[in-house]
Amino acid sequence: MTPLNRRALFAGASLLAAGLTGPALAQSQASIELVVPVAPPAPRVEVIPEIPSDRRDVEYWQPGYWRWNGTAHEWHEGRYVTRPRAGAVWIPGHWDRKGQGWIYVEGHWS
């Protein structure tokens, strides 16, 4: 068994152990995607708390998002995070249609 196959097998077993057996799992050589059969709800409107003026250049508000918990979507509240470097830009995560379901594309710094 190649290292890639072992990683895929371990990741798949981890998802199954976490109770993520309902949605179809689509495997690629780079990673395993969780295809969710239910469209996510619209994002919630969040009230963004004030941030102290001395932190505005280093802190960034990451908006909340819906995550699949294995049986339903659950909301994860937005939060302030420290930028990894000056000028870093947060690219929010989003849901994409994939076949008969949906996949979540993680947010990341650019």
PDB file of N, CA and C in Angstrom:
ATOM      1  N   MET A   1       0.855  -1.170   0.000  1.00  0.00           N
ATOM      2  CA  MET A   1       0.000   0.000   0.000  1.00  0.00           C
ATOM      3  C   MET A   1       0.900   1.232   0.000  1.00  0.00           C
ATOM      4  N   THR A   2       0.624   2.170  -0.901  1.00  0.00           N
ATOM      5  CA  THR A   2       1.447   3.371  -0.987  1.00  0.00           C
ATOM      6  C   THR A   2       1.117   4.327   0.157  1.00  0.00           C
ATOM      7  N   PRO A   3       2.035   5.267   0.463  1.00  0.00           N
ATOM      8  CA  PRO A   3       1.749   6.242   1.519  1.00  0.00           C
ATOM      9  C   PRO A   3       0.473   7.039   1.233  1.00  0.00           C
ATOM     10  N   LEU A   4       0.233   7.383  -0.035  1.00  0.00           N
ATOM     11  CA  LEU A   4      -0.972   8.139  -0.383  1.00  0.00           C
ATOM     12  C   LEU A   4      -2.225   7.318  -0.083  1.00  0.00           C
ATOM     13  N   ASN A   5      -2.204   6.024  -0.446  1.00  0.00           N
ATOM     14  CA  ASN A   5      -3.353   5.163  -0.167  1.00  0.00           C
ATOM     15  C   ASN A   5      -3.577   4.996   1.331  1.00  0.00           C
ATOM     16  N   ARG A   6      -2.477   4.895   2.103  1.00  0.00           N
ATOM     17  CA  ARG A   6      -2.607   4.794   3.553  1.00  0.00           C
ATOM     18  C   ARG A   6      -3.239   6.052   4.132  1.00  0.00           C
ATOM     19  N   ARG A   7      -2.811   7.243   3.633  1.00  0.00           N
ATOM     20  CA  ARG A   7      -3.387   8.499   4.123  1.00  0.00           C
ATOM     21  C   ARG A   7      -4.863   8.573   3.774  1.00  0.00           C
ATOM     22  N   ALA A   8      -5.224   8.187   2.552  1.00  0.00           N
ATOM     23  CA  ALA A   8      -6.631   8.223   2.144  1.00  0.00           C
ATOM     24  C   ALA A   8      -7.454   7.261   2.983  1.00  0.00           C
ATOM     25  N   LEU A   9      -6.919   6.056   3.221  1.00  0.00           N
ATOM     26  CA  LEU A   9      -7.620   5.076   4.040  1.00  0.00           C
ATOM     27  C   LEU A   9      -7.804   5.593   5.463  1.00  0.00           C
ATOM     28  N   PHE A  10      -6.740   6.178   6.043  1.00  0.00           N
ATOM     29  CA  PHE A  10      -6.827   6.725   7.392  1.00  0.00           C
ATOM     30  C   PHE A  10      -7.840   7.869   7.454  1.00  0.00           C
ATOM     31  N   ALA A  11      -7.796   8.786   6.469  1.00  0.00           N
ATOM     32  CA  ALA A  11      -8.733   9.918   6.459  1.00  0.00           C
ATOM     33  C   ALA A  11     -10.166   9.411   6.333  1.00  0.00           C
ATOM     34  N   GLY A  12     -10.393   8.436   5.460  1.00  0.00           N
ATOM     35  CA  GLY A  12     -11.738   7.880   5.300  1.00  0.00           C
ATOM     36  C   GLY A  12     -12.218   7.200   6.570  1.00  0.00           C
ATOM     37  N   ALA A  13     -11.337   6.448   7.221  1.00  0.00           N
ATOM     38  CA  ALA A  13     -11.702   5.779   8.470  1.00  0.00           C
ATOM     39  C   ALA A  13     -11.995   6.802   9.557  1.00  0.00           C
ATOM     40  N   SER A  14     -11.245   7.898   9.568  1.00  0.00           N
ATOM     41  CA  SER A  14     -11.486   8.952  10.558  1.00  0.00           C
ATOM     42  C   SER A  14     -12.850   9.577  10.355  1.00  0.00           C
ATOM     43  N   LEU A  15     -13.221   9.835   9.107  1.00  0.00           N
ATOM     44  CA  LEU A  15     -14.532  10.414   8.818  1.00  0.00           C
ATOM     45  C   LEU A  15     -15.642   9.452   9.229  1.00  0.00           C
ATOM     46  N   LEU A  16     -15.461   8.175   8.942  1.00  0.00           N
ATOM     47  CA  LEU A  16     -16.470   7.188   9.319  1.00  0.00           C
ATOM     48  C   LEU A  16     -16.586   7.100  10.838  1.00  0.00           C
ATOM     49  N   ALA A  17     -15.450   7.127  11.527  1.00  0.00           N
ATOM     50  CA  ALA A  17     -15.474   7.060  12.986  1.00  0.00           C
ATOM     51  C   ALA A  17     -16.154   8.288  13.578  1.00  0.00           C
ATOM     52  N   ALA A  18     -16.074   9.413  12.867  1.00  0.00           N
ATOM     53  CA  ALA A  18     -16.709  10.642  13.342  1.00  0.00           C
ATOM     54  C   ALA A  18     -18.197  10.664  13.031  1.00  0.00           C
ATOM     55  N   GLY A  19     -18.705   9.625  12.401  1.00  0.00           N
ATOM     56  CA  GLY A  19     -20.139   9.557  12.120  1.00  0.00           C
ATOM     57  C   GLY A  19     -20.528  10.188  10.803  1.00  0.00           C
ATOM     58  N   LEU A  20     -19.579  10.418   9.921  1.00  0.00           N
ATOM     59  CA  LEU A  20     -19.879  11.058   8.645  1.00  0.00           C
ATOM     60  C   LEU A  20     -20.124  10.002   7.583  1.00  0.00           C
ATOM     61  N   THR A  21     -21.098   9.140   7.812  1.00  0.00           N
ATOM     62  CA  THR A  21     -21.347   8.033   6.900  1.00  0.00           C
ATOM     63  C   THR A  21     -22.452   8.330   5.904  1.00  0.00           C
ATOM     64  N   GLY A  22     -23.320   9.295   6.187  1.00  0.00           N
ATOM     65  CA  GLY A  22     -24.445   9.576   5.297  1.00  0.00           C
ATOM     66  C   GLY A  22     -24.040  10.142   3.953  1.00  0.00           C
ATOM     67  N   PRO A  23     -23.309  11.263   3.910  1.00  0.00           N
ATOM     68  CA  PRO A  23     -22.938  11.857   2.642  1.00  0.00           C
ATOM     69  C   PRO A  23     -21.932  10.991   1.905  1.00  0.00           C
ATOM     70  N   ALA A  24     -21.950  11.123   0.598  1.00  0.00           N
ATOM     71  CA  ALA A  24     -20.979  10.397  -0.218  1.00  0.00           C
ATOM     72  C   ALA A  24     -19.601  11.012  -0.021  1.00  0.00           C
ATOM     73  N   LEU A  25     -18.569  10.181  -0.018  1.00  0.00           N
ATOM     74  CA  LEU A  25     -17.207  10.663   0.052  1.00  0.00           C
ATOM     75  C   LEU A  25     -16.572  10.491  -1.319  1.00  0.00           C
ATOM     76  N   ALA A  26     -16.108  11.581  -1.900  1.00  0.00           N
ATOM     77  CA  ALA A  26     -15.454  11.529  -3.202  1.00  0.00           C
ATOM     78  C   ALA A  26     -13.956  11.625  -2.969  1.00  0.00           C
ATOM     79  N   GLN A  27     -13.204  10.657  -3.461  1.00  0.00           N
ATOM     80  CA  GLN A  27     -11.767  10.620  -3.210  1.00  0.00           C
ATOM     81  C   GLN A  27     -11.001  11.103  -4.424  1.00  0.00           C
ATOM     82  N   SER A  28     -10.019  11.964  -4.198  1.00  0.00           N
ATOM     83  CA  SER A  28      -9.079  12.349  -5.233  1.00  0.00           C
ATOM     84  C   SER A  28      -7.690  12.023  -4.709  1.00  0.00           C
ATOM     85  N   GLN A  29      -6.685  12.124  -5.558  1.00  0.00           N
ATOM     86  CA  GLN A  29      -5.343  11.808  -5.100  1.00  0.00           C
ATOM     87  C   GLN A  29      -4.843  12.841  -4.105  1.00  0.00           C
ATOM     88  N   ALA A  30      -5.314  14.089  -4.182  1.00  0.00           N
ATOM     89  CA  ALA A  30      -4.834  15.138  -3.293  1.00  0.00           C
ATOM     90  C   ALA A  30      -5.506  15.071  -1.925  1.00  0.00           C
ATOM     91  N   SER A  31      -6.783  14.738  -1.884  1.00  0.00           N
ATOM     92  CA  SER A  31      -7.498  14.748  -0.615  1.00  0.00           C
ATOM     93  C   SER A  31      -8.810  13.998  -0.756  1.00  0.00           C
ATOM     94  N   ILE A  32      -9.542  13.941   0.335  1.00  0.00           N
ATOM     95  CA  ILE A  32     -10.875  13.356   0.316  1.00  0.00           C
ATOM     96  C   ILE A  32     -11.863  14.485   0.498  1.00  0.00           C
ATOM     97  N   GLU A  33     -12.855  14.567  -0.384  1.00  0.00           N
ATOM     98  CA  GLU A  33     -13.890  15.585  -0.281  1.00  0.00           C
ATOM     99  C   GLU A  33     -15.129  14.985   0.344  1.00  0.00           C
ATOM    100  N   LEU A  34     -15.779  15.758   1.181  1.00  0.00           N
ATOM    101  CA  LEU A  34     -17.049  15.358   1.755  1.00  0.00           C
ATOM    102  C   LEU A  34     -18.130  16.034   0.927  1.00  0.00           C
ATOM    103  N   VAL A  35     -18.922  15.252   0.208  1.00  0.00           N
ATOM    104  CA  VAL A  35     -20.018  15.786  -0.593  1.00  0.00           C
ATOM    105  C   VAL A  35     -21.281  15.694   0.257  1.00  0.00           C
ATOM    106  N   VAL A  36     -21.828  16.858   0.584  1.00  0.00           N
ATOM    107  CA  VAL A  36     -22.984  16.957   1.474  1.00  0.00           C
ATOM    108  C   VAL A  36     -24.254  16.995   0.630  1.00  0.00           C
ATOM    109  N   PRO A  37     -25.256  16.179   0.935  1.00  0.00           N
ATOM    110  CA  PRO A  37     -26.455  16.106   0.103  1.00  0.00           C
ATOM    111  C   PRO A  37     -27.444  17.265   0.301  1.00  0.00           C
ATOM    112  N   VAL A  38     -27.219  18.102   1.317  1.00  0.00           N
ATOM    113  CA  VAL A  38     -28.159  19.162   1.656  1.00  0.00           C
ATOM    114  C   VAL A  38     -27.492  20.524   1.453  1.00  0.00           C
ATOM    115  N   ALA A  39     -28.147  21.411   0.719  1.00  0.00           N
ATOM    116  CA  ALA A  39     -27.602  22.750   0.504  1.00  0.00           C
ATOM    117  C   ALA A  39     -27.491  23.490   1.835  1.00  0.00           C
ATOM    118  N   PRO A  40     -26.442  24.303   1.999  1.00  0.00           N
ATOM    119  CA  PRO A  40     -26.320  25.067   3.244  1.00  0.00           C
ATOM    120  C   PRO A  40     -27.348  26.193   3.283  1.00  0.00           C
ATOM    121  N   PRO A  41     -27.783  26.579   4.484  1.00  0.00           N
ATOM    122  CA  PRO A  41     -28.662  27.745   4.602  1.00  0.00           C
ATOM    123  C   PRO A  41     -27.908  29.016   4.208  1.00  0.00           C
ATOM    124  N   ALA A  42     -28.640  30.096   4.041  1.00  0.00           N
ATOM    125  CA  ALA A  42     -28.003  31.389   3.776  1.00  0.00           C
ATOM    126  C   ALA A  42     -27.161  31.779   4.989  1.00  0.00           C
ATOM    127  N   PRO A  43     -26.031  32.477   4.762  1.00  0.00           N
ATOM    128  CA  PRO A  43     -25.230  32.920   5.903  1.00  0.00           C
ATOM    129  C   PRO A  43     -26.048  33.799   6.845  1.00  0.00           C
ATOM    130  N   ARG A  44     -25.749  33.709   8.111  1.00  0.00           N
ATOM    131  CA  ARG A  44     -26.422  34.545   9.110  1.00  0.00           C
ATOM    132  C   ARG A  44     -25.838  35.954   9.069  1.00  0.00           C
ATOM    133  N   VAL A  45     -26.653  36.905   9.441  1.00  0.00           N
ATOM    134  CA  VAL A  45     -26.171  38.272   9.595  1.00  0.00           C
ATOM    135  C   VAL A  45     -25.530  38.362  10.975  1.00  0.00           C
ATOM    136  N   GLU A  46     -24.298  38.794  11.014  1.00  0.00           N
ATOM    137  CA  GLU A  46     -23.575  38.874  12.276  1.00  0.00           C
ATOM    138  C   GLU A  46     -23.314  40.330  12.651  1.00  0.00           C
ATOM    139  N   VAL A  47     -23.397  40.621  13.917  1.00  0.00           N
ATOM    140  CA  VAL A  47     -23.008  41.933  14.426  1.00  0.00           C
ATOM    141  C   VAL A  47     -21.529  41.826  14.779  1.00  0.00           C
ATOM    142  N   ILE A  48     -20.708  42.599  14.090  1.00  0.00           N
ATOM    143  CA  ILE A  48     -19.264  42.526  14.310  1.00  0.00           C
ATOM    144  C   ILE A  48     -18.901  43.433  15.478  1.00  0.00           C
ATOM    145  N   PRO A  49     -18.334  42.864  16.539  1.00  0.00           N
ATOM    146  CA  PRO A  49     -17.988  43.681  17.703  1.00  0.00           C
ATOM    147  C   PRO A  49     -16.866  44.677  17.373  1.00  0.00           C
ATOM    148  N   GLU A  50     -16.861  45.791  18.098  1.00  0.00           N
ATOM    149  CA  GLU A  50     -15.798  46.787  17.932  1.00  0.00           C
ATOM    150  C   GLU A  50     -14.456  46.181  18.314  1.00  0.00           C
ATOM    151  N   ILE A  51     -13.435  46.622  17.624  1.00  0.00           N
ATOM    152  CA  ILE A  51     -12.081  46.181  17.950  1.00  0.00           C
ATOM    153  C   ILE A  51     -11.301  47.416  18.402  1.00  0.00           C
ATOM    154  N   PRO A  52     -10.462  47.292  19.403  1.00  0.00           N
ATOM    155  CA  PRO A  52      -9.673  48.452  19.831  1.00  0.00           C
ATOM    156  C   PRO A  52      -8.844  49.016  18.675  1.00  0.00           C
ATOM    157  N   SER A  53      -8.760  50.326  18.586  1.00  0.00           N
ATOM    158  CA  SER A  53      -8.080  50.974  17.461  1.00  0.00           C
ATOM    159  C   SER A  53      -6.623  50.540  17.330  1.00  0.00           C
ATOM    160  N   ASP A  54      -5.978  50.199  18.434  1.00  0.00           N
ATOM    161  CA  ASP A  54      -4.568  49.789  18.360  1.00  0.00           C
ATOM    162  C   ASP A  54      -4.397  48.380  17.789  1.00  0.00           C
ATOM    163  N   ARG A  55      -5.487  47.654  17.568  1.00  0.00           N
ATOM    164  CA  ARG A  55      -5.418  46.280  17.027  1.00  0.00           C
ATOM    165  C   ARG A  55      -5.931  46.197  15.593  1.00  0.00           C
ATOM    166  N   ARG A  56      -6.425  47.298  15.029  1.00  0.00           N
ATOM    167  CA  ARG A  56      -7.072  47.256  13.707  1.00  0.00           C
ATOM    168  C   ARG A  56      -6.144  46.822  12.584  1.00  0.00           C
ATOM    169  N   ASP A  57      -4.860  47.060  12.709  1.00  0.00           N
ATOM    170  CA  ASP A  57      -3.931  46.672  11.645  1.00  0.00           C
ATOM    171  C   ASP A  57      -3.506  45.212  11.721  1.00  0.00           C
ATOM    172  N   VAL A  58      -3.704  44.583  12.879  1.00  0.00           N
ATOM    173  CA  VAL A  58      -3.237  43.202  13.029  1.00  0.00           C
ATOM    174  C   VAL A  58      -4.361  42.188  13.191  1.00  0.00           C
ATOM    175  N   GLU A  59      -5.556  42.644  13.521  1.00  0.00           N
ATOM    176  CA  GLU A  59      -6.687  41.741  13.698  1.00  0.00           C
ATOM    177  C   GLU A  59      -7.612  41.823  12.487  1.00  0.00           C
ATOM    178  N   TYR A  60      -8.246  40.700  12.169  1.00  0.00           N
ATOM    179  CA  TYR A  60      -9.167  40.645  11.035  1.00  0.00           C
ATOM    180  C   TYR A  60     -10.402  39.849  11.450  1.00  0.00           C
ATOM    181  N   TRP A  61     -11.564  40.325  11.030  1.00  0.00           N
ATOM    182  CA  TRP A  61     -12.804  39.617  11.314  1.00  0.00           C
ATOM    183  C   TRP A  61     -13.004  38.521  10.282  1.00  0.00           C
ATOM    184  N   GLN A  62     -13.008  37.274  10.726  1.00  0.00           N
ATOM    185  CA  GLN A  62     -13.353  36.149   9.859  1.00  0.00           C
ATOM    186  C   GLN A  62     -14.838  35.885  10.051  1.00  0.00           C
ATOM    187  N   PRO A  63     -15.633  36.044   8.998  1.00  0.00           N
ATOM    188  CA  PRO A  63     -17.075  35.859   9.145  1.00  0.00           C
ATOM    189  C   PRO A  63     -17.445  34.423   9.482  1.00  0.00           C
ATOM    190  N   GLY A  64     -18.619  34.265  10.079  1.00  0.00           N
ATOM    191  CA  GLY A  64     -19.125  32.944  10.410  1.00  0.00           C
ATOM    192  C   GLY A  64     -19.468  32.159   9.150  1.00  0.00           C
ATOM    193  N   TYR A  65     -19.692  30.862   9.323  1.00  0.00           N
ATOM    194  CA  TYR A  65     -19.967  29.988   8.177  1.00  0.00           C
ATOM    195  C   TYR A  65     -20.706  28.740   8.651  1.00  0.00           C
ATOM    196  N   TRP A  66     -21.357  28.077   7.717  1.00  0.00           N
ATOM    197  CA  TRP A  66     -22.047  26.815   7.997  1.00  0.00           C
ATOM    198  C   TRP A  66     -21.095  25.661   7.758  1.00  0.00           C
ATOM    199  N   ARG A  67     -21.046  24.716   8.703  1.00  0.00           N
ATOM    200  CA  ARG A  67     -20.279  23.469   8.558  1.00  0.00           C
ATOM    201  C   ARG A  67     -21.237  22.296   8.691  1.00  0.00           C
ATOM    202  N   TRP A  68     -20.917  21.226   8.019  1.00  0.00           N
ATOM    203  CA  TRP A  68     -21.709  19.995   8.079  1.00  0.00           C
ATOM    204  C   TRP A  68     -21.194  19.163   9.241  1.00  0.00           C
ATOM    205  N   ASN A  69     -22.089  18.732  10.137  1.00  0.00           N
ATOM    206  CA  ASN A  69     -21.667  17.940  11.307  1.00  0.00           C
ATOM    207  C   ASN A  69     -21.929  16.444  11.132  1.00  0.00           C
ATOM    208  N   GLY A  70     -22.326  16.039   9.944  1.00  0.00           N
ATOM    209  CA  GLY A  70     -22.618  14.632   9.686  1.00  0.00           C
ATOM    210  C   GLY A  70     -24.095  14.365   9.503  1.00  0.00           C
ATOM    211  N   THR A  71     -24.927  15.242  10.069  1.00  0.00           N
ATOM    212  CA  THR A  71     -26.375  15.080   9.917  1.00  0.00           C
ATOM    213  C   THR A  71     -27.078  16.381   9.566  1.00  0.00           C
ATOM    214  N   ALA A  72     -26.441  17.508   9.843  1.00  0.00           N
ATOM    215  CA  ALA A  72     -27.063  18.809   9.580  1.00  0.00           C
ATOM    216  C   ALA A  72     -25.982  19.883   9.502  1.00  0.00           C
ATOM    217  N   HIS A  73     -26.359  21.029   8.949  1.00  0.00           N
ATOM    218  CA  HIS A  73     -25.456  22.178   8.949  1.00  0.00           C
ATOM    219  C   HIS A  73     -25.525  22.849  10.314  1.00  0.00           C
ATOM    220  N   GLU A  74     -24.375  23.274  10.827  1.00  0.00           N
ATOM    221  CA  GLU A  74     -24.364  24.023  12.075  1.00  0.00           C
ATOM    222  C   GLU A  74     -23.523  25.283  11.874  1.00  0.00           C
ATOM    223  N   TRP A  75     -23.964  26.354  12.505  1.00  0.00           N
ATOM    224  CA  TRP A  75     -23.331  27.652  12.327  1.00  0.00           C
ATOM    225  C   TRP A  75     -22.113  27.791  13.234  1.00  0.00           C
ATOM    226  N   HIS A  76     -21.004  28.284  12.659  1.00  0.00           N
ATOM    227  CA  HIS A  76     -19.798  28.614  13.411  1.00  0.00           C
ATOM    228  C   HIS A  76     -19.670  30.130  13.388  1.00  0.00           C
ATOM    229  N   GLU A  77     -19.730  30.735  14.569  1.00  0.00           N
ATOM    230  CA  GLU A  77     -19.700  32.191  14.698  1.00  0.00           C
ATOM    231  C   GLU A  77     -18.408  32.783  14.134  1.00  0.00           C
ATOM    232  N   GLY A  78     -18.522  34.003  13.615  1.00  0.00           N
ATOM    233  CA  GLY A  78     -17.342  34.732  13.175  1.00  0.00           C
ATOM    234  C   GLY A  78     -16.486  35.121  14.378  1.00  0.00           C
ATOM    235  N   ARG A  79     -15.246  35.496  14.105  1.00  0.00           N
ATOM    236  CA  ARG A  79     -14.333  35.850  15.197  1.00  0.00           C
ATOM    237  C   ARG A  79     -13.186  36.688  14.655  1.00  0.00           C
ATOM    238  N   TYR A  80     -12.557  37.412  15.551  1.00  0.00           N
ATOM    239  CA  TYR A  80     -11.339  38.137  15.186  1.00  0.00           C
ATOM    240  C   TYR A  80     -10.156  37.191  15.277  1.00  0.00           C
ATOM    241  N   VAL A  81      -9.268  37.289  14.301  1.00  0.00           N
ATOM    242  CA  VAL A  81      -8.039  36.498  14.297  1.00  0.00           C
ATOM    243  C   VAL A  81      -6.878  37.432  13.959  1.00  0.00           C
ATOM    244  N   THR A  82      -5.683  37.032  14.340  1.00  0.00           N
ATOM    245  CA  THR A  82      -4.488  37.809  14.026  1.00  0.00           C
ATOM    246  C   THR A  82      -4.023  37.461  12.621  1.00  0.00           C
ATOM    247  N   ARG A  83      -3.756  38.499  11.839  1.00  0.00           N
ATOM    248  CA  ARG A  83      -3.230  38.269  10.483  1.00  0.00           C
ATOM    249  C   ARG A  83      -1.884  37.547  10.584  1.00  0.00           C
ATOM    250  N   PRO A  84      -1.623  36.607   9.668  1.00  0.00           N
ATOM    251  CA  PRO A  84      -0.350  35.893   9.735  1.00  0.00           C
ATOM    252  C   PRO A  84       0.842  36.759   9.328  1.00  0.00           C
ATOM    253  N   ARG A  85       0.564  37.830   8.560  1.00  0.00           N
ATOM    254  CA  ARG A  85       1.614  38.755   8.118  1.00  0.00           C
ATOM    255  C   ARG A  85       0.944  40.052   7.670  1.00  0.00           C
ATOM    256  N   ALA A  86       1.705  41.115   7.637  1.00  0.00           N
ATOM    257  CA  ALA A  86       1.159  42.411   7.203  1.00  0.00           C
ATOM    258  C   ALA A  86       0.633  42.296   5.772  1.00  0.00           C
ATOM    259  N   GLY A  87      -0.543  42.852   5.536  1.00  0.00           N
ATOM    260  CA  GLY A  87      -1.117  42.856   4.191  1.00  0.00           C
ATOM    261  C   GLY A  87      -1.821  41.571   3.788  1.00  0.00           C
ATOM    262  N   ALA A  88      -1.819  40.566   4.661  1.00  0.00           N
ATOM    263  CA  ALA A  88      -2.493  39.306   4.331  1.00  0.00           C
ATOM    264  C   ALA A  88      -3.992  39.553   4.159  1.00  0.00           C
ATOM    265  N   VAL A  89      -4.583  38.871   3.189  1.00  0.00           N
ATOM    266  CA  VAL A  89      -6.007  39.027   2.892  1.00  0.00           C
ATOM    267  C   VAL A  89      -6.693  37.685   3.119  1.00  0.00           C
ATOM    268  N   TRP A  90      -7.828  37.704   3.841  1.00  0.00           N
ATOM    269  CA  TRP A  90      -8.587  36.494   4.103  1.00  0.00           C
ATOM    270  C   TRP A  90      -9.531  36.226   2.937  1.00  0.00           C
ATOM    271  N   ILE A  91      -9.456  35.039   2.357  1.00  0.00           N
ATOM    272  CA  ILE A  91     -10.382  34.584   1.326  1.00  0.00           C
ATOM    273  C   ILE A  91     -11.381  33.678   2.043  1.00  0.00           C
ATOM    274  N   PRO A  92     -12.641  34.143   2.202  1.00  0.00           N
ATOM    275  CA  PRO A  92     -13.609  33.352   2.969  1.00  0.00           C
ATOM    276  C   PRO A  92     -13.908  31.999   2.328  1.00  0.00           C
ATOM    277  N   GLY A  93     -14.237  31.033   3.179  1.00  0.00           N
ATOM    278  CA  GLY A  93     -14.683  29.740   2.684  1.00  0.00           C
ATOM    279  C   GLY A  93     -16.043  29.894   2.010  1.00  0.00           C
ATOM    280  N   HIS A  94     -16.391  28.920   1.199  1.00  0.00           N
ATOM    281  CA  HIS A  94     -17.684  28.964   0.507  1.00  0.00           C
ATOM    282  C   HIS A  94     -18.110  27.556   0.101  1.00  0.00           C
ATOM    283  N   TRP A  95     -19.407  27.423  -0.160  1.00  0.00           N
ATOM    284  CA  TRP A  95     -19.976  26.159  -0.599  1.00  0.00           C
ATOM    285  C   TRP A  95     -20.083  26.159  -2.120  1.00  0.00           C
ATOM    286  N   ASP A  96     -19.652  25.070  -2.756  1.00  0.00           N
ATOM    287  CA  ASP A  96     -19.764  24.889  -4.207  1.00  0.00           C
ATOM    288  C   ASP A  96     -20.654  23.683  -4.493  1.00  0.00           C
ATOM    289  N   ARG A  97     -21.429  23.788  -5.546  1.00  0.00           N
ATOM    290  CA  ARG A  97     -22.249  22.664  -6.003  1.00  0.00           C
ATOM    291  C   ARG A  97     -21.334  21.611  -6.612  1.00  0.00           C
ATOM    292  N   LYS A  98     -21.558  20.350  -6.289  1.00  0.00           N
ATOM    293  CA  LYS A  98     -20.773  19.250  -6.866  1.00  0.00           C
ATOM    294  C   LYS A  98     -21.715  18.089  -7.116  1.00  0.00           C
ATOM    295  N   GLY A  99     -22.035  17.841  -8.386  1.00  0.00           N
ATOM    296  CA  GLY A  99     -22.959  16.763  -8.724  1.00  0.00           C
ATOM    297  C   GLY A  99     -24.299  16.973  -8.058  1.00  0.00           C
ATOM    298  N   GLN A 100     -24.731  15.984  -7.272  1.00  0.00           N
ATOM    299  CA  GLN A 100     -26.008  16.052  -6.564  1.00  0.00           C
ATOM    300  C   GLN A 100     -25.876  16.649  -5.166  1.00  0.00           C
ATOM    301  N   GLY A 101     -24.691  17.158  -4.821  1.00  0.00           N
ATOM    302  CA  GLY A 101     -24.494  17.663  -3.469  1.00  0.00           C
ATOM    303  C   GLY A 101     -23.693  18.948  -3.439  1.00  0.00           C
ATOM    304  N   TRP A 102     -23.073  19.194  -2.292  1.00  0.00           N
ATOM    305  CA  TRP A 102     -22.326  20.417  -2.030  1.00  0.00           C
ATOM    306  C   TRP A 102     -21.016  20.070  -1.339  1.00  0.00           C
ATOM    307  N   ILE A 103     -19.958  20.825  -1.649  1.00  0.00           N
ATOM    308  CA  ILE A 103     -18.680  20.688  -0.946  1.00  0.00           C
ATOM    309  C   ILE A 103     -18.302  22.046  -0.355  1.00  0.00           C
ATOM    310  N   TYR A 104     -17.627  22.012   0.786  1.00  0.00           N
ATOM    311  CA  TYR A 104     -17.172  23.243   1.406  1.00  0.00           C
ATOM    312  C   TYR A 104     -15.718  23.464   1.048  1.00  0.00           C
ATOM    313  N   VAL A 105     -15.418  24.649   0.512  1.00  0.00           N
ATOM    314  CA  VAL A 105     -14.048  25.045   0.185  1.00  0.00           C
ATOM    315  C   VAL A 105     -13.563  25.915   1.342  1.00  0.00           C
ATOM    316  N   GLU A 106     -12.549  25.450   2.043  1.00  0.00           N
ATOM    317  CA  GLU A 106     -12.048  26.148   3.237  1.00  0.00           C
ATOM    318  C   GLU A 106     -11.555  27.555   2.897  1.00  0.00           C
ATOM    319  N   GLY A 107     -11.743  28.471   3.854  1.00  0.00           N
ATOM    320  CA  GLY A 107     -11.156  29.799   3.732  1.00  0.00           C
ATOM    321  C   GLY A 107      -9.656  29.722   3.944  1.00  0.00           C
ATOM    322  N   HIS A 108      -8.943  30.739   3.449  1.00  0.00           N
ATOM    323  CA  HIS A 108      -7.480  30.739   3.601  1.00  0.00           C
ATOM    324  C   HIS A 108      -6.928  32.153   3.466  1.00  0.00           C
ATOM    325  N   TRP A 109      -5.698  32.327   3.908  1.00  0.00           N
ATOM    326  CA  TRP A 109      -4.999  33.604   3.776  1.00  0.00           C
ATOM    327  C   TRP A 109      -4.279  33.660   2.448  1.00  0.00           C
ATOM    328  N   SER A 110      -4.281  34.833   1.856  1.00  0.00           N
ATOM    329  CA  SER A 110      -3.584  35.019   0.587  1.00  0.00           C
ATOM    330  C   SER A 110      -2.571  36.130   0.758  1.00  0.00           C
TER     331      SER A 110
END
